[in-house]
């Protein structure tokens, strides 16, 4: 016996979560506006960084008491899967040539003189996750809370990029968040306005604003979203959080002794985000000596497939990176 279903235990655990606060103008935005009025800016450039899982993804926190999985993945303050900025920065750093590591990521600890990083990385927050569905095998799901966090990243991106024409209109995203406050919404045409997601039957409304969300995704992700659809879940009764966490994979592993075929403590469980999961981070850059670290980083990593997290030797953690804007802003 493997014991109770970890997903059921997780649902009981997250049922205690309260409703999420509304996202308002952040401290960063206010500080950035104040600095601009004084003729100074905290950051001169920004990029959104989309991360698409090509294989199951395990960015873990190690073992700890009370976890329902032996090796769980990282989660944000609300309980949604995430990749902490420190983990993301380390993975990106491993894929940049030595000549630029110091400028992009700062000097190594203990090295003198020290040099601060010209680039700041935000946590990679969950944006879309595949969920089992009777329609087209699977569909992307997201939630009102996840879109609010994404909206904050876009707000900061727009504030830093205000001198360019590369801003993103937030009005459609705001409308989508409002529409998903009480009932799931989707871009799919469904008979009877019902869909089965992760073994839950949901009544849904069709929304043109989900199509706007899809249109503003990187091309590869956009094609998958157009084919399989997107369902935006409300926070009511923690529906969004429950269904997102039911999409996480739990894999049991066993270690065998060559002679006896058994090992004490050789059975454990690992948690993964499924392939096709999409996360988004925000990259903020300071321009030094007229060098643009955001543009140089984009040229180096945009479209690259890299490994993030653990279990690389068994094919886990392969992701593809997409920077927005994908080209130099002045050339768009």
Protein backbone atom coordinates (compact mmCIF):
# COMPACT_ATOMS: atom_id res chain seq x y z
CA UNK A 1 0.00 0.00 0.00
CA UNK A 2 1.29 3.43 -0.91
CA UNK A 3 -0.94 5.22 1.58
CA UNK A 4 -3.56 7.92 0.97
CA UNK A 5 -3.65 9.85 -2.29
CA UNK A 6 -1.32 12.87 -1.83
CA UNK A 7 -3.62 14.97 -4.03
CA UNK A 8 -6.53 14.42 -1.64
CA UNK A 9 -4.32 15.37 1.30
CA UNK A 10 -3.13 18.47 -0.53
CA UNK A 11 -6.72 19.55 -1.19
CA UNK A 12 -7.47 19.33 2.52
CA UNK A 13 -4.33 21.34 3.21
CA UNK A 14 -5.11 24.17 0.80
CA UNK A 15 -8.80 24.33 1.76
CA UNK A 16 -7.71 26.39 4.76
CA UNK A 17 -6.37 29.17 2.52
CA UNK A 18 -8.30 32.44 2.55
CA UNK A 19 -9.42 34.57 -0.39
CA UNK A 20 -6.63 36.42 -2.15
CA UNK A 21 -6.22 40.19 -1.84
CA UNK A 22 -6.80 42.36 -4.89
CA UNK A 23 -3.62 43.36 -6.71
CA UNK A 24 -3.03 47.13 -6.47
CA UNK A 25 -0.27 49.42 -7.69
CA UNK A 26 2.92 48.03 -6.22
CA UNK A 27 5.54 49.81 -4.16
CA UNK A 28 7.96 49.32 -7.07
CA UNK A 29 5.69 51.24 -9.45
CA UNK A 30 5.30 54.15 -7.04
CA UNK A 31 9.06 54.24 -6.38
CA UNK A 32 9.84 54.07 -10.10
CA UNK A 33 7.47 56.97 -10.84
CA UNK A 34 8.99 59.06 -8.04
CA UNK A 35 12.50 58.39 -9.34
CA UNK A 36 11.46 59.38 -12.87
CA UNK A 37 10.08 62.68 -11.60
CA UNK A 38 13.47 63.35 -10.02
CA UNK A 39 15.28 62.55 -13.25
CA UNK A 40 16.54 59.19 -12.00
CA UNK A 41 15.39 55.63 -12.74
CA UNK A 42 15.91 52.41 -10.82
CA UNK A 43 16.01 50.34 -14.02
CA UNK A 44 16.31 51.36 -17.66
CA UNK A 45 15.08 48.22 -19.41
CA UNK A 46 12.79 45.28 -18.73
CA UNK A 47 11.84 41.99 -20.36
CA UNK A 48 9.22 39.38 -19.63
CA UNK A 49 10.69 35.88 -19.61
CA UNK A 50 8.34 33.00 -20.45
CA UNK A 51 9.48 29.52 -19.43
CA UNK A 52 7.88 26.49 -21.11
CA UNK A 53 8.50 23.02 -19.70
CA UNK A 54 9.54 20.58 -22.44
CA UNK A 55 9.81 17.73 -19.91
CA UNK A 56 8.42 17.33 -16.36
CA UNK A 57 9.97 19.96 -14.11
CA UNK A 58 11.22 19.52 -10.54
CA UNK A 59 12.59 22.64 -8.85
CA UNK A 60 12.52 21.37 -5.30
CA UNK A 61 12.88 22.47 -1.70
CA UNK A 62 14.41 19.26 -0.35
CA UNK A 63 12.88 17.08 2.34
CA UNK A 64 11.04 18.60 5.28
CA UNK A 65 8.73 17.45 8.07
CA UNK A 66 5.01 17.46 7.40
CA UNK A 67 5.18 17.43 3.61
CA UNK A 68 2.72 15.13 1.85
CA UNK A 69 5.42 14.40 -0.77
CA UNK A 70 8.98 13.40 0.11
CA UNK A 71 10.50 15.83 -2.41
CA UNK A 72 8.00 18.64 -3.11
CA UNK A 73 8.39 21.46 -5.61
CA UNK A 74 8.75 25.14 -4.74
CA UNK A 75 5.58 27.10 -4.08
CA UNK A 76 4.71 30.76 -3.65
CA UNK A 77 3.06 32.39 -0.65
CA UNK A 78 -0.38 31.34 -1.91
CA UNK A 79 0.48 27.67 -2.47
CA UNK A 80 0.87 27.82 -6.27
CA UNK A 81 3.91 26.14 -7.90
CA UNK A 82 6.71 28.59 -8.68
CA UNK A 83 10.44 28.85 -9.36
CA UNK A 84 12.18 31.11 -6.88
CA UNK A 85 14.36 33.81 -8.41
CA UNK A 86 17.52 32.37 -6.83
CA UNK A 87 16.93 28.99 -8.52
CA UNK A 88 16.12 30.61 -11.87
CA UNK A 89 19.16 32.90 -11.70
CA UNK A 90 21.46 29.95 -11.02
CA UNK A 91 20.14 27.99 -14.00
CA UNK A 92 20.49 30.97 -16.34
CA UNK A 93 23.97 31.74 -15.01
CA UNK A 94 25.13 28.23 -15.93
CA UNK A 95 24.23 28.95 -19.57
CA UNK A 96 26.02 32.30 -20.00
CA UNK A 97 29.65 32.49 -21.12
CA UNK A 98 32.24 33.46 -18.52
CA UNK A 99 32.98 36.82 -20.16
CA UNK A 100 29.49 38.12 -19.32
CA UNK A 101 28.71 36.32 -16.06
CA UNK A 102 30.06 39.10 -13.84
CA UNK A 103 28.13 41.86 -15.63
CA UNK A 104 24.83 39.98 -15.73
CA UNK A 105 24.95 38.20 -12.39
CA UNK A 106 27.45 40.14 -10.27
CA UNK A 107 30.74 39.05 -8.75
CA UNK A 108 31.16 35.79 -6.87
CA UNK A 109 30.97 35.83 -3.05
CA UNK A 110 34.30 36.69 -1.44
CA UNK A 111 35.73 38.27 -4.59
CA UNK A 112 37.16 41.78 -4.26
CA UNK A 113 36.34 44.30 -5.58
CA UNK A 114 32.67 43.35 -5.63
CA UNK A 115 30.44 44.22 -8.55
CA UNK A 116 26.65 44.29 -8.25
CA UNK A 117 24.58 42.56 -10.90
CA UNK A 118 23.21 44.74 -13.69
CA UNK A 119 20.24 42.36 -13.97
CA UNK A 120 17.52 41.57 -11.44
CA UNK A 121 15.32 38.47 -11.78
CA UNK A 122 11.85 38.09 -10.30
CA UNK A 123 10.35 34.75 -9.24
CA UNK A 124 9.04 32.71 -12.17
CA UNK A 125 5.32 32.59 -11.39
CA UNK A 126 2.94 30.01 -12.79
CA UNK A 127 0.88 31.30 -15.73
CA UNK A 128 -0.56 28.19 -17.44
CA UNK A 129 -0.58 24.53 -16.47
CA UNK A 130 -1.99 21.57 -18.43
CA UNK A 131 -4.98 19.85 -16.86
CA UNK A 132 -6.67 16.58 -17.79
CA UNK A 133 -9.82 17.19 -19.84
CA UNK A 134 -12.33 15.12 -21.79
CA UNK A 135 -11.99 17.70 -24.56
CA UNK A 136 -8.73 17.33 -26.53
CA UNK A 137 -7.09 15.21 -23.77
CA UNK A 138 -5.84 18.28 -21.89
CA UNK A 139 -6.37 22.01 -21.65
CA UNK A 140 -4.44 24.89 -20.14
CA UNK A 141 -5.78 26.25 -16.86
CA UNK A 142 -4.91 29.41 -14.98
CA UNK A 143 -6.61 31.30 -12.17
CA UNK A 144 -7.71 34.79 -11.23
CA UNK A 145 -4.87 35.03 -8.69
CA UNK A 146 -2.23 33.90 -11.20
CA UNK A 147 -3.45 36.48 -13.72
CA UNK A 148 -3.33 39.19 -11.05
CA UNK A 149 0.32 38.36 -10.40
CA UNK A 150 1.00 38.32 -14.15
CA UNK A 151 -0.75 41.69 -14.39
CA UNK A 152 1.63 43.12 -11.80
CA UNK A 153 4.64 41.92 -13.80
CA UNK A 154 3.17 43.51 -16.94
CA UNK A 155 2.49 46.73 -15.03
CA UNK A 156 6.14 46.93 -13.95
CA UNK A 157 7.30 46.04 -17.47
CA UNK A 158 5.16 48.85 -18.92
CA UNK A 159 6.44 51.36 -16.35
CA UNK A 160 10.09 50.61 -17.12
CA UNK A 161 9.46 50.45 -20.88
CA UNK A 162 7.32 53.61 -20.99
CA UNK A 163 9.64 55.38 -23.47
CA UNK A 164 9.20 52.61 -26.03
CA UNK A 165 6.20 51.36 -27.99
CA UNK A 166 6.56 47.85 -26.60
CA UNK A 167 4.05 48.22 -23.76
CA UNK A 168 1.20 45.77 -23.21
CA UNK A 169 -2.39 47.02 -22.95
CA UNK A 170 -3.67 45.88 -19.57
CA UNK A 171 -7.35 46.68 -20.14
CA UNK A 172 -8.17 43.29 -21.69
CA UNK A 173 -6.31 41.46 -18.94
CA UNK A 174 -8.19 43.46 -16.30
CA UNK A 175 -11.51 42.53 -17.92
CA UNK A 176 -10.52 38.86 -18.01
CA UNK A 177 -9.70 38.95 -14.29
CA UNK A 178 -13.10 40.51 -13.55
CA UNK A 179 -14.94 37.92 -15.66
CA UNK A 180 -13.24 35.06 -13.80
CA UNK A 181 -14.20 36.36 -10.36
CA UNK A 182 -17.23 34.09 -9.94
CA UNK A 183 -17.27 31.53 -12.76
CA UNK A 184 -14.68 29.86 -15.02
CA UNK A 185 -14.24 31.42 -18.47
CA UNK A 186 -12.68 29.96 -21.61
CA UNK A 187 -12.03 30.53 -25.30
CA UNK A 188 -13.40 27.06 -26.17
CA UNK A 189 -16.75 26.48 -27.87
CA UNK A 190 -18.39 23.88 -25.63
CA UNK A 191 -21.70 22.08 -25.88
CA UNK A 192 -23.82 23.02 -22.89
CA UNK A 193 -21.09 25.35 -21.59
CA UNK A 194 -19.56 22.55 -19.50
CA UNK A 195 -16.06 21.12 -19.33
CA UNK A 196 -14.42 18.36 -17.27
CA UNK A 197 -11.06 19.48 -15.84
CA UNK A 198 -8.99 17.21 -13.59
CA UNK A 199 -12.10 15.11 -12.88
CA UNK A 200 -14.19 18.19 -11.96
CA UNK A 201 -17.29 19.17 -13.94
CA UNK A 202 -17.29 22.93 -14.46
CA UNK A 203 -19.84 25.30 -15.88
CA UNK A 204 -18.02 27.91 -17.97
CA UNK A 205 -18.68 31.11 -19.87
CA UNK A 206 -17.00 31.96 -23.15
CA UNK A 207 -14.89 35.12 -23.10
CA UNK A 208 -13.19 37.01 -25.95
CA UNK A 209 -10.58 38.23 -23.46
CA UNK A 210 -9.11 34.72 -23.17
CA UNK A 211 -8.33 35.00 -26.88
CA UNK A 212 -6.45 38.23 -26.15
CA UNK A 213 -4.37 36.39 -23.54
CA UNK A 214 -3.54 33.66 -26.07
CA UNK A 215 -2.63 36.20 -28.79
CA UNK A 216 -0.05 37.80 -26.49
CA UNK A 217 1.83 34.57 -25.74
CA UNK A 218 5.06 33.50 -27.48
CA UNK A 219 4.31 31.77 -30.79
CA UNK A 220 4.99 28.16 -29.70
CA UNK A 221 2.86 28.54 -26.57
CA UNK A 222 0.19 30.40 -28.52
CA UNK A 223 -0.22 27.47 -30.94
CA UNK A 224 -0.67 25.00 -28.08
CA UNK A 225 -3.17 27.30 -26.35
CA UNK A 226 -5.17 27.74 -29.55
CA UNK A 227 -5.31 23.97 -30.07
CA UNK A 228 -6.10 22.91 -26.50
CA UNK A 229 -7.78 26.03 -25.11
CA UNK A 230 -7.42 28.02 -21.91
CA UNK A 231 -9.74 27.89 -18.88
CA UNK A 232 -9.48 30.68 -16.30
CA UNK A 233 -10.64 29.52 -12.86
CA UNK A 234 -12.05 31.70 -10.05
CA UNK A 235 -10.65 31.80 -6.52
CA UNK A 236 -14.05 31.08 -4.99
CA UNK A 237 -13.82 28.09 -2.61
CA UNK A 238 -10.17 27.78 -3.68
CA UNK A 239 -11.30 26.11 -6.91
CA UNK A 240 -8.37 27.46 -8.91
CA UNK A 241 -5.75 26.46 -6.35
CA UNK A 242 -7.22 22.97 -5.95
CA UNK A 243 -7.34 22.21 -9.67
CA UNK A 244 -3.89 23.66 -10.33
CA UNK A 245 -2.35 21.48 -7.64
CA UNK A 246 -4.18 18.41 -8.97
CA UNK A 247 -2.23 18.91 -12.20
CA UNK A 248 1.09 18.43 -10.40
CA UNK A 249 2.58 14.98 -11.00
CA UNK A 250 3.66 12.73 -8.14
CA UNK A 251 6.09 9.99 -9.13
CA UNK A 252 7.19 7.17 -6.84
CA UNK A 253 10.83 6.10 -7.03
CA UNK A 254 12.55 3.00 -5.67
CA UNK A 255 16.22 2.22 -5.02
CA UNK A 256 17.29 -1.44 -5.26
CA UNK A 257 20.27 -3.28 -3.81
CA UNK A 258 22.03 -5.47 -6.41
CA UNK A 259 22.04 -8.52 -4.14
CA UNK A 260 18.93 -8.26 -1.95
CA UNK A 261 16.83 -6.11 -4.32
CA UNK A 262 15.58 -4.03 -1.38
CA UNK A 263 16.99 -1.02 0.46
CA UNK A 264 15.74 0.46 3.72
CA UNK A 265 14.26 3.86 2.99
CA UNK A 266 14.57 3.17 -0.72
CA UNK A 267 10.98 4.18 -1.59
CA UNK A 268 10.22 7.87 -1.97
CA UNK A 269 7.99 10.24 -3.91
CA UNK A 270 8.86 13.25 -6.08
CA UNK A 271 6.63 16.08 -7.28
CA UNK A 272 6.81 17.54 -10.79
CA UNK A 273 5.16 20.18 -12.92
CA UNK A 274 3.94 18.50 -16.13
CA UNK A 275 5.42 19.18 -19.54
CA UNK A 276 3.88 22.20 -21.34
CA UNK A 277 3.60 24.13 -18.06
CA UNK A 278 4.24 27.85 -18.63
CA UNK A 279 5.78 30.18 -16.04
CA UNK A 280 6.68 33.84 -16.41
CA UNK A 281 9.42 35.92 -14.81
CA UNK A 282 10.38 39.58 -15.08
CA UNK A 283 13.93 40.67 -15.90
CA UNK A 284 14.97 44.22 -14.93
CA UNK A 285 18.21 45.77 -16.18
CA UNK A 286 20.42 48.73 -15.40
CA UNK A 287 22.31 50.23 -18.34
CA UNK A 288 25.99 50.78 -17.57
CA UNK A 289 28.44 52.45 -19.99
CA UNK A 290 25.71 52.39 -22.67
CA UNK A 291 25.74 48.58 -22.60
CA UNK A 292 22.29 46.98 -22.55
CA UNK A 293 22.40 43.80 -20.43
CA UNK A 294 18.75 42.97 -21.15
CA UNK A 295 19.36 42.97 -24.89
CA UNK A 296 22.60 41.01 -24.56
CA UNK A 297 20.92 38.45 -22.30
CA UNK A 298 18.04 38.14 -24.76
CA UNK A 299 20.44 37.52 -27.65
CA UNK A 300 22.20 34.84 -25.60
CA UNK A 301 19.22 32.94 -24.18
CA UNK A 302 16.09 33.66 -26.25
CA UNK A 303 14.81 30.44 -27.82
CA UNK A 304 17.37 28.34 -25.93
CA UNK A 305 16.51 25.04 -24.25
CA UNK A 306 18.21 24.71 -20.85
CA UNK A 307 17.87 22.55 -17.75
CA UNK A 308 16.29 24.05 -14.64
CA UNK A 309 16.00 22.26 -11.31
CA UNK A 310 16.91 18.70 -10.43
CA UNK A 311 16.73 15.19 -11.92
CA UNK A 312 18.55 16.22 -15.09
CA UNK A 313 20.09 12.75 -15.46
CA UNK A 314 16.63 11.22 -15.97
CA UNK A 315 15.51 13.88 -18.44
CA UNK A 316 13.65 16.17 -16.08
CA UNK A 317 13.78 19.96 -16.11
CA UNK A 318 14.31 20.74 -19.80
CA UNK A 319 12.67 24.10 -20.54
CA UNK A 320 12.60 26.58 -23.41
CA UNK A 321 13.05 30.32 -22.83
CA UNK A 322 11.13 33.10 -24.58
CA UNK A 323 11.93 36.78 -24.00
CA UNK A 324 9.38 39.54 -24.60
CA UNK A 325 10.02 41.64 -26.53
CA UNK A 326 11.73 39.05 -28.71
CA UNK A 327 13.55 41.75 -30.69
CA UNK A 328 15.21 45.07 -29.92
CA UNK A 329 12.37 47.44 -28.95
CA UNK A 330 13.45 50.10 -31.40
CA UNK A 331 13.11 47.64 -34.28
CA UNK A 332 9.65 46.31 -33.43
